[in-house]
Protein backbone atom coordinates (compact mmCIF):
# COMPACT_ATOMS: atom_id res chain seq x y z
CA MET A 1 -13.23 -27.73 9.58
CA THR A 2 -12.03 -28.82 6.14
CA THR A 3 -13.22 -25.81 4.13
CA THR A 4 -13.35 -22.06 4.75
CA PRO A 5 -15.41 -19.24 3.20
CA ALA A 6 -13.67 -17.30 0.42
CA ILE A 7 -14.46 -14.63 -2.17
CA GLY A 8 -12.90 -14.60 -5.61
CA TYR A 9 -13.45 -14.34 -9.35
CA ARG A 10 -13.46 -16.78 -12.26
CA GLU A 11 -13.60 -14.32 -15.14
CA ASN A 12 -12.85 -10.65 -15.72
CA LEU A 13 -16.16 -8.80 -15.47
CA PRO A 14 -17.31 -5.24 -14.73
CA ILE A 15 -17.84 -4.75 -11.01
CA SER A 16 -21.53 -4.09 -11.71
CA ASP A 17 -21.90 -7.77 -12.71
CA PRO A 18 -22.92 -9.96 -9.73
CA ALA A 19 -20.47 -12.61 -10.98
CA ALA A 20 -17.50 -10.20 -10.84
CA LEU A 21 -16.82 -11.50 -7.31
CA VAL A 22 -18.49 -14.62 -5.93
CA ASP A 23 -18.83 -16.37 -2.57
CA THR A 24 -17.44 -19.90 -2.36
CA ASP A 25 -15.67 -22.31 -0.03
CA VAL A 26 -12.05 -23.43 -0.39
CA LYS A 27 -10.00 -26.11 1.33
CA VAL A 28 -8.36 -24.97 4.56
CA PRO A 29 -4.66 -24.75 3.66
CA ASP A 30 -1.95 -26.46 5.69
CA PRO A 31 0.89 -24.22 6.98
CA ASP A 32 4.30 -24.88 5.43
CA ASP A 33 7.65 -24.08 7.10
CA HIS A 34 7.33 -20.32 7.78
CA ASP A 35 3.56 -20.08 7.30
CA LEU A 36 0.98 -18.70 9.67
CA LEU A 37 -2.63 -19.82 9.36
CA VAL A 38 -4.56 -16.65 10.18
CA GLU A 39 -8.25 -16.24 10.94
CA VAL A 40 -8.85 -13.04 8.98
CA GLN A 41 -10.98 -10.44 10.75
CA ALA A 42 -10.67 -7.55 8.29
CA VAL A 43 -9.29 -6.77 4.83
CA SER A 44 -8.60 -3.64 2.82
CA VAL A 45 -9.22 -3.15 -0.90
CA ASN A 46 -6.38 -1.61 -2.90
CA PRO A 47 -6.02 -0.57 -6.55
CA VAL A 48 -4.06 -3.80 -7.17
CA ASP A 49 -7.18 -5.82 -6.25
CA VAL A 50 -9.25 -3.87 -8.77
CA LYS A 51 -6.58 -4.19 -11.46
CA LEU A 52 -6.25 -7.96 -11.07
CA ARG A 53 -10.00 -8.61 -10.92
CA ALA A 54 -10.59 -6.58 -14.07
CA GLY A 55 -7.65 -7.71 -16.16
CA ALA A 56 -5.79 -10.78 -14.87
CA PRO A 57 -7.25 -13.93 -16.47
CA THR A 58 -7.58 -17.11 -14.44
CA SER A 59 -8.50 -20.69 -15.35
CA GLU A 60 -10.02 -21.33 -11.90
CA LEU A 61 -11.30 -19.36 -8.94
CA ARG A 62 -8.77 -16.73 -7.87
CA THR A 63 -9.01 -15.35 -4.35
CA LEU A 64 -7.96 -11.71 -4.16
CA GLY A 65 -7.01 -9.62 -1.13
CA PHE A 66 -3.63 -8.54 0.20
CA ASP A 67 -4.08 -6.29 3.24
CA ALA A 68 -5.44 -8.24 6.20
CA ALA A 69 -5.57 -8.29 9.98
CA GLY A 70 -6.47 -11.27 12.10
CA THR A 71 -5.45 -13.87 14.67
CA VAL A 72 -2.93 -16.68 14.25
CA VAL A 73 -4.60 -20.07 14.71
CA ALA A 74 -1.78 -22.42 13.60
CA THR A 75 1.87 -22.22 12.57
CA GLY A 76 4.31 -24.08 10.34
CA PRO A 77 7.21 -26.09 11.78
CA ALA A 78 9.86 -23.39 11.19
CA VAL A 79 7.89 -20.44 12.62
CA THR A 80 9.68 -18.50 15.37
CA LEU A 81 8.14 -15.02 15.27
CA PHE A 82 4.52 -15.78 16.24
CA ARG A 83 2.36 -18.31 18.02
CA PRO A 84 -1.36 -19.13 18.02
CA GLY A 85 -3.42 -16.36 19.57
CA ASP A 86 -1.18 -13.53 18.32
CA GLU A 87 -2.90 -10.66 16.51
CA VAL A 88 -1.17 -9.80 13.24
CA TYR A 89 -1.42 -7.63 10.14
CA TYR A 90 0.16 -8.04 6.72
CA ALA A 91 -0.01 -7.32 2.97
CA GLY A 92 0.65 -10.85 1.74
CA SER A 93 2.13 -12.00 -1.56
CA ILE A 94 0.91 -11.54 -5.10
CA ALA A 95 2.07 -15.11 -5.82
CA ARG A 96 -0.28 -16.81 -3.33
CA PRO A 97 -4.06 -17.00 -2.77
CA GLY A 98 -5.34 -13.75 -1.33
CA SER A 99 -6.68 -12.76 2.06
CA ASN A 100 -10.36 -12.62 1.09
CA GLN A 101 -10.92 -15.91 2.88
CA ARG A 102 -11.60 -16.64 6.51
CA LEU A 103 -8.56 -18.88 7.08
CA HIS A 104 -5.52 -17.69 5.16
CA LEU A 105 -1.82 -18.57 4.90
CA VAL A 106 0.89 -15.93 5.06
CA ASP A 107 4.66 -16.12 5.58
CA GLU A 108 5.65 -14.97 9.08
CA ARG A 109 8.58 -13.01 7.62
CA ILE A 110 6.26 -10.56 5.85
CA THR A 111 3.84 -10.32 8.81
CA GLY A 112 3.85 -7.80 11.66
CA ARG A 113 2.24 -7.60 15.08
CA LYS A 114 -1.06 -5.74 14.89
CA PRO A 115 -0.83 -2.29 16.50
CA ALA A 116 -2.34 -2.75 19.95
CA THR A 117 -4.22 0.56 19.76
CA LEU A 118 -6.10 -0.28 16.55
CA SER A 119 -9.16 -2.34 15.71
CA PHE A 120 -8.72 -5.13 13.17
CA ALA A 121 -10.51 -2.96 10.59
CA ASP A 122 -8.18 0.01 11.02
CA ALA A 123 -5.09 -2.22 11.17
CA ALA A 124 -6.04 -3.86 7.87
CA SER A 125 -5.81 -0.47 6.14
CA LEU A 126 -2.09 -0.07 6.79
CA PRO A 127 0.21 -2.90 5.64
CA LEU A 128 0.42 -2.46 1.84
CA VAL A 129 0.56 1.33 1.90
CA SER A 130 2.97 1.58 4.82
CA LEU A 131 5.35 -1.00 3.35
CA THR A 132 5.28 0.75 -0.02
CA ALA A 133 5.80 4.19 1.52
CA TRP A 134 8.63 2.95 3.78
CA GLU A 135 10.42 1.22 0.90
CA CYS A 136 10.07 4.32 -1.31
CA LEU A 137 11.61 6.63 1.27
CA LEU A 138 14.10 4.49 3.16
CA ASP A 139 15.03 1.78 0.63
CA ARG A 140 14.73 3.26 -2.87
CA LEU A 141 15.65 6.85 -1.94
CA ALA A 142 17.94 5.77 0.94
CA LEU A 143 16.77 8.60 3.19
CA THR A 144 17.81 8.63 6.86
CA PRO A 145 16.85 10.70 9.91
CA GLY A 146 19.81 12.96 9.07
CA SER A 147 18.74 13.62 5.46
CA SER A 148 17.87 17.11 4.23
CA GLY A 149 16.58 18.59 1.00
CA SER A 150 13.11 18.17 -0.46
CA VAL A 151 10.70 15.55 -1.76
CA LEU A 152 7.65 16.08 -3.97
CA VAL A 153 4.86 13.58 -3.36
CA VAL A 154 2.63 13.18 -6.43
CA GLY A 155 -0.65 11.54 -5.46
CA ALA A 156 -0.17 12.58 -1.86
CA THR A 157 -3.81 12.07 -0.85
CA GLY A 158 -3.93 8.47 -2.12
CA GLY A 159 -3.37 5.49 0.13
CA VAL A 160 0.41 5.31 -0.32
CA GLY A 161 0.85 9.07 -0.47
CA ALA A 162 -0.84 9.54 2.90
CA LEU A 163 1.68 7.16 4.47
CA VAL A 164 4.63 8.80 2.67
CA LEU A 165 3.60 12.11 4.27
CA GLN A 166 3.25 10.58 7.73
CA LEU A 167 6.49 8.58 7.63
CA ALA A 168 8.42 11.58 6.35
CA GLU A 169 7.00 13.67 9.21
CA ALA A 170 7.83 10.97 11.78
CA LEU A 171 11.24 9.79 10.55
CA LEU A 172 12.76 12.50 8.32
CA PRO A 173 12.64 15.80 10.23
CA GLY A 174 15.13 17.54 7.94
CA VAL A 175 13.30 16.79 4.67
CA THR A 176 10.86 19.39 3.29
CA VAL A 177 7.75 17.74 1.82
CA VAL A 178 5.71 19.22 -1.04
CA ALA A 179 2.43 17.39 -1.74
CA THR A 180 0.09 17.49 -4.72
CA ALA A 181 -3.63 17.83 -4.04
CA SER A 182 -6.62 18.54 -6.28
CA SER A 183 -8.86 20.54 -3.92
CA PRO A 184 -8.63 22.76 -0.85
CA GLU A 185 -10.03 19.90 1.25
CA ARG A 186 -7.33 17.51 0.06
CA ALA A 187 -4.62 20.14 0.43
CA ALA A 188 -5.64 20.73 4.06
CA TRP A 189 -5.63 16.97 4.68
CA ALA A 190 -2.12 16.65 3.19
CA ARG A 191 -0.84 19.43 5.45
CA GLU A 192 -2.47 17.73 8.43
CA LEU A 193 -0.58 14.54 7.58
CA GLY A 194 2.78 16.32 7.41
CA ALA A 195 3.27 18.21 4.15
CA GLU A 196 4.91 21.64 4.52
CA HIS A 197 3.61 22.83 1.14
CA THR A 198 0.89 21.78 -1.31
CA VAL A 199 0.45 22.36 -5.04
CA ASP A 200 -2.52 21.66 -7.31
CA HIS A 201 -1.55 19.04 -9.90
CA ARG A 202 -4.45 20.13 -12.11
CA GLY A 203 -2.58 23.38 -12.82
CA ASP A 204 0.94 24.13 -14.05
CA LEU A 205 2.85 21.76 -11.79
CA ALA A 206 6.31 22.90 -12.90
CA THR A 207 5.62 26.58 -12.22
CA GLN A 208 4.07 25.89 -8.81
CA VAL A 209 6.91 23.61 -7.67
CA LEU A 210 9.69 25.88 -8.92
CA ASP A 211 8.06 28.86 -7.20
CA LEU A 212 8.47 26.94 -3.94
CA VAL A 213 11.86 25.32 -4.68
CA PRO A 214 13.57 27.47 -7.35
CA ASP A 215 16.55 25.13 -7.82
CA GLY A 216 14.27 22.09 -8.17
CA VAL A 217 13.28 19.33 -5.78
CA ASP A 218 15.79 16.66 -4.78
CA ARG A 219 13.37 13.75 -4.99
CA VAL A 220 9.93 12.75 -6.28
CA VAL A 221 7.68 9.94 -5.06
CA THR A 222 4.98 9.49 -7.68
CA ALA A 223 1.84 7.43 -8.04
CA HIS A 224 1.03 9.07 -11.41
CA SER A 225 4.10 9.10 -13.65
CA GLU A 226 2.48 8.40 -17.03
CA GLY A 227 3.08 11.38 -19.34
CA GLN A 228 4.89 13.31 -16.60
CA ILE A 229 8.55 12.51 -17.31
CA PRO A 230 9.26 15.81 -19.14
CA VAL A 231 7.72 17.73 -16.22
CA TYR A 232 9.82 15.80 -13.73
CA ALA A 233 12.93 16.50 -15.82
CA GLU A 234 12.14 20.20 -15.42
CA ILE A 235 11.43 20.27 -11.69
CA VAL A 236 14.05 17.82 -10.34
CA ARG A 237 17.50 19.20 -9.75
CA PRO A 238 20.63 17.56 -11.25
CA PHE A 239 21.50 14.19 -9.67
CA GLY A 240 18.03 13.98 -8.14
CA GLN A 241 15.93 10.84 -7.79
CA ILE A 242 12.44 9.69 -8.72
CA VAL A 243 10.63 6.61 -7.43
CA ALA A 244 7.39 5.49 -9.12
CA ILE A 245 4.78 3.07 -7.81
CA ASP A 246 2.47 2.99 -10.84
CA ASP A 247 2.73 0.68 -13.87
CA GLY A 248 3.56 0.89 -17.55
CA GLU A 249 6.46 1.52 -19.88
CA ARG A 250 8.21 4.86 -19.42
CA ASP A 251 10.62 6.75 -21.68
CA VAL A 252 12.97 8.23 -19.10
CA SER A 253 15.43 9.69 -21.62
CA PRO A 254 14.45 13.31 -20.71
CA LEU A 255 16.06 12.65 -17.30
CA LYS A 256 19.51 11.89 -18.70
CA ALA A 257 20.75 15.47 -19.12
CA LYS A 258 20.48 15.99 -15.36
CA SER A 259 21.61 12.45 -14.43
CA ILE A 260 18.32 11.95 -12.58
CA ALA A 261 17.92 8.41 -11.23
CA TRP A 262 14.67 6.50 -11.86
CA HIS A 263 13.50 3.81 -9.41
CA TRP A 264 10.56 1.43 -9.51
CA GLU A 265 8.95 0.34 -6.25
CA LEU A 266 6.88 -2.83 -5.94
CA MET A 267 6.08 -3.86 -2.39
CA PHE A 268 5.65 -7.50 -3.48
CA THR A 269 9.23 -7.89 -4.80
CA ARG A 270 10.67 -9.41 -1.63
CA ALA A 271 7.95 -12.08 -1.32
CA LEU A 272 7.73 -12.71 -5.05
CA HIS A 273 11.47 -13.41 -5.35
CA GLN A 274 12.07 -14.75 -1.82
CA THR A 275 14.93 -12.30 -1.34
CA ASP A 276 17.54 -12.82 1.36
CA ASP A 277 16.13 -9.85 3.29
CA LEU A 278 12.53 -11.11 3.24
CA ARG A 279 12.22 -10.61 7.00
CA ALA A 280 12.75 -6.86 6.50
CA GLN A 281 9.01 -6.53 5.89
CA HIS A 282 8.25 -8.09 9.27
CA ASP A 283 10.59 -5.56 10.87
CA ILE A 284 9.05 -2.63 8.96
CA LEU A 285 5.52 -3.58 9.97
CA ASP A 286 6.60 -3.88 13.61
CA GLU A 287 8.23 -0.42 13.38
CA VAL A 288 5.03 1.01 11.89
CA ALA A 289 3.02 -0.61 14.71
CA SER A 290 5.24 1.18 17.22
CA LEU A 291 4.76 4.51 15.39
CA VAL A 292 0.98 3.97 15.45
CA GLU A 293 1.01 3.19 19.17
CA ALA A 294 3.07 6.32 19.78
CA GLY A 295 0.52 8.44 17.90
CA ARG A 296 2.96 9.36 15.11
CA VAL A 297 1.19 7.43 12.32
CA ARG A 298 -2.54 6.91 11.96
CA PRO A 299 -4.73 4.92 9.60
CA THR A 300 -6.56 6.88 6.92
CA VAL A 301 -9.80 4.91 6.65
CA SER A 302 -12.65 6.62 4.79
CA ARG A 303 -15.14 3.73 4.64
CA ARG A 304 -15.73 0.71 6.84
CA LEU A 305 -18.00 -1.89 5.27
CA GLY A 306 -19.21 -5.29 6.40
CA PRO A 307 -19.53 -8.18 6.45
CA ILE A 308 -16.77 -9.80 4.36
CA SER A 309 -18.79 -11.17 1.44
CA ALA A 310 -18.88 -10.99 -2.35
CA ALA A 311 -21.60 -8.32 -2.27
CA THR A 312 -19.71 -6.10 0.16
CA LEU A 313 -16.40 -6.54 -1.64
CA ARG A 314 -18.07 -5.61 -4.92
CA GLU A 315 -19.18 -2.39 -3.23
CA ALA A 316 -15.63 -1.78 -1.98
CA HIS A 317 -14.13 -2.45 -5.44
CA GLU A 318 -16.61 -0.01 -6.97
CA LEU A 319 -15.53 2.71 -4.53
CA VAL A 320 -11.82 2.12 -5.19
CA GLU A 321 -12.36 2.00 -8.96
CA THR A 322 -13.56 5.62 -8.95
CA GLY A 323 -10.06 6.75 -7.97
CA ARG A 324 -11.65 9.50 -5.87
CA THR A 325 -11.69 7.93 -2.41
CA LEU A 326 -9.87 9.94 0.24
CA GLY A 327 -8.29 7.30 2.44
CA LYS A 328 -8.73 3.52 2.55
CA VAL A 329 -11.76 1.27 2.18
CA VAL A 330 -11.88 -1.65 4.65
CA VAL A 331 -14.24 -4.60 4.99
CA HIS A 332 -14.55 -6.45 8.30
CA GLY A 333 -16.44 -9.25 10.04
CA TRP A 334 -17.95 -12.41 8.60
CA PRO A 335 -21.66 -13.16 8.07
């Protein structure tokens, strides 16, 4: 086989346009040193896919897709972590062609073993959100199993937020978690995933949070920081920390009076810059797989679509674009 099916875009179009995502064939790539050639069985659609398709120009076909689960079919000469036949899951790299193709290359050092208890579809929902959540809590905020205090999770019922709640419940028993939710249904779901308290971000967030934690929260993990810095300055205690996963310029000067630290989190940083600790993402994904198998973390899939095609991915992008999906949207199987 010299070519493989793929789905991508050539121009930035509304998702309602049939040309927004198109079916094509691409050359089967050859694995380099640490590369795995994976036969992709399932993918997940994330906000980053929607953002790139709608706004990132390209001079040729660009294949999107980051989350994936599949089977290794070939390996590069320096690969030591996997062999053909292994089932894997991963979030890939923003600097390489995406996983919306049947045969796809990914670096072994950012790839984990697929949780044995999950289908390919459910496994594909986890890598990007679990890596982001893990890095927020354990890398950016430097929390440990012995940590105490509190963390406010803004956007707790989104894909990343749902994993922040679960990882905090599984790994940080001494940390009190307050989650934002916009409805009783979402609040109940956040508590089910591990939040001790919930607040409605449509109301007066500062008053609600300070009623629960009068001295202010120690930390914030936020997926919605635009326009919220003054509120965070009010509800975070002195020397607290904030980690944001959304995009855009932020004026963080209101945080200075309390010496509140601001962190950015981008899950793609390690792969994008080939950092010395690149293999940390392999280790994180393996740890998450163990937590899944132990019943301490579960996928939060709301929709399973199929097969993997331009038409189905357009449907998935449309669902994610609404910003109202509770849980992840996955696409699995090939025509």
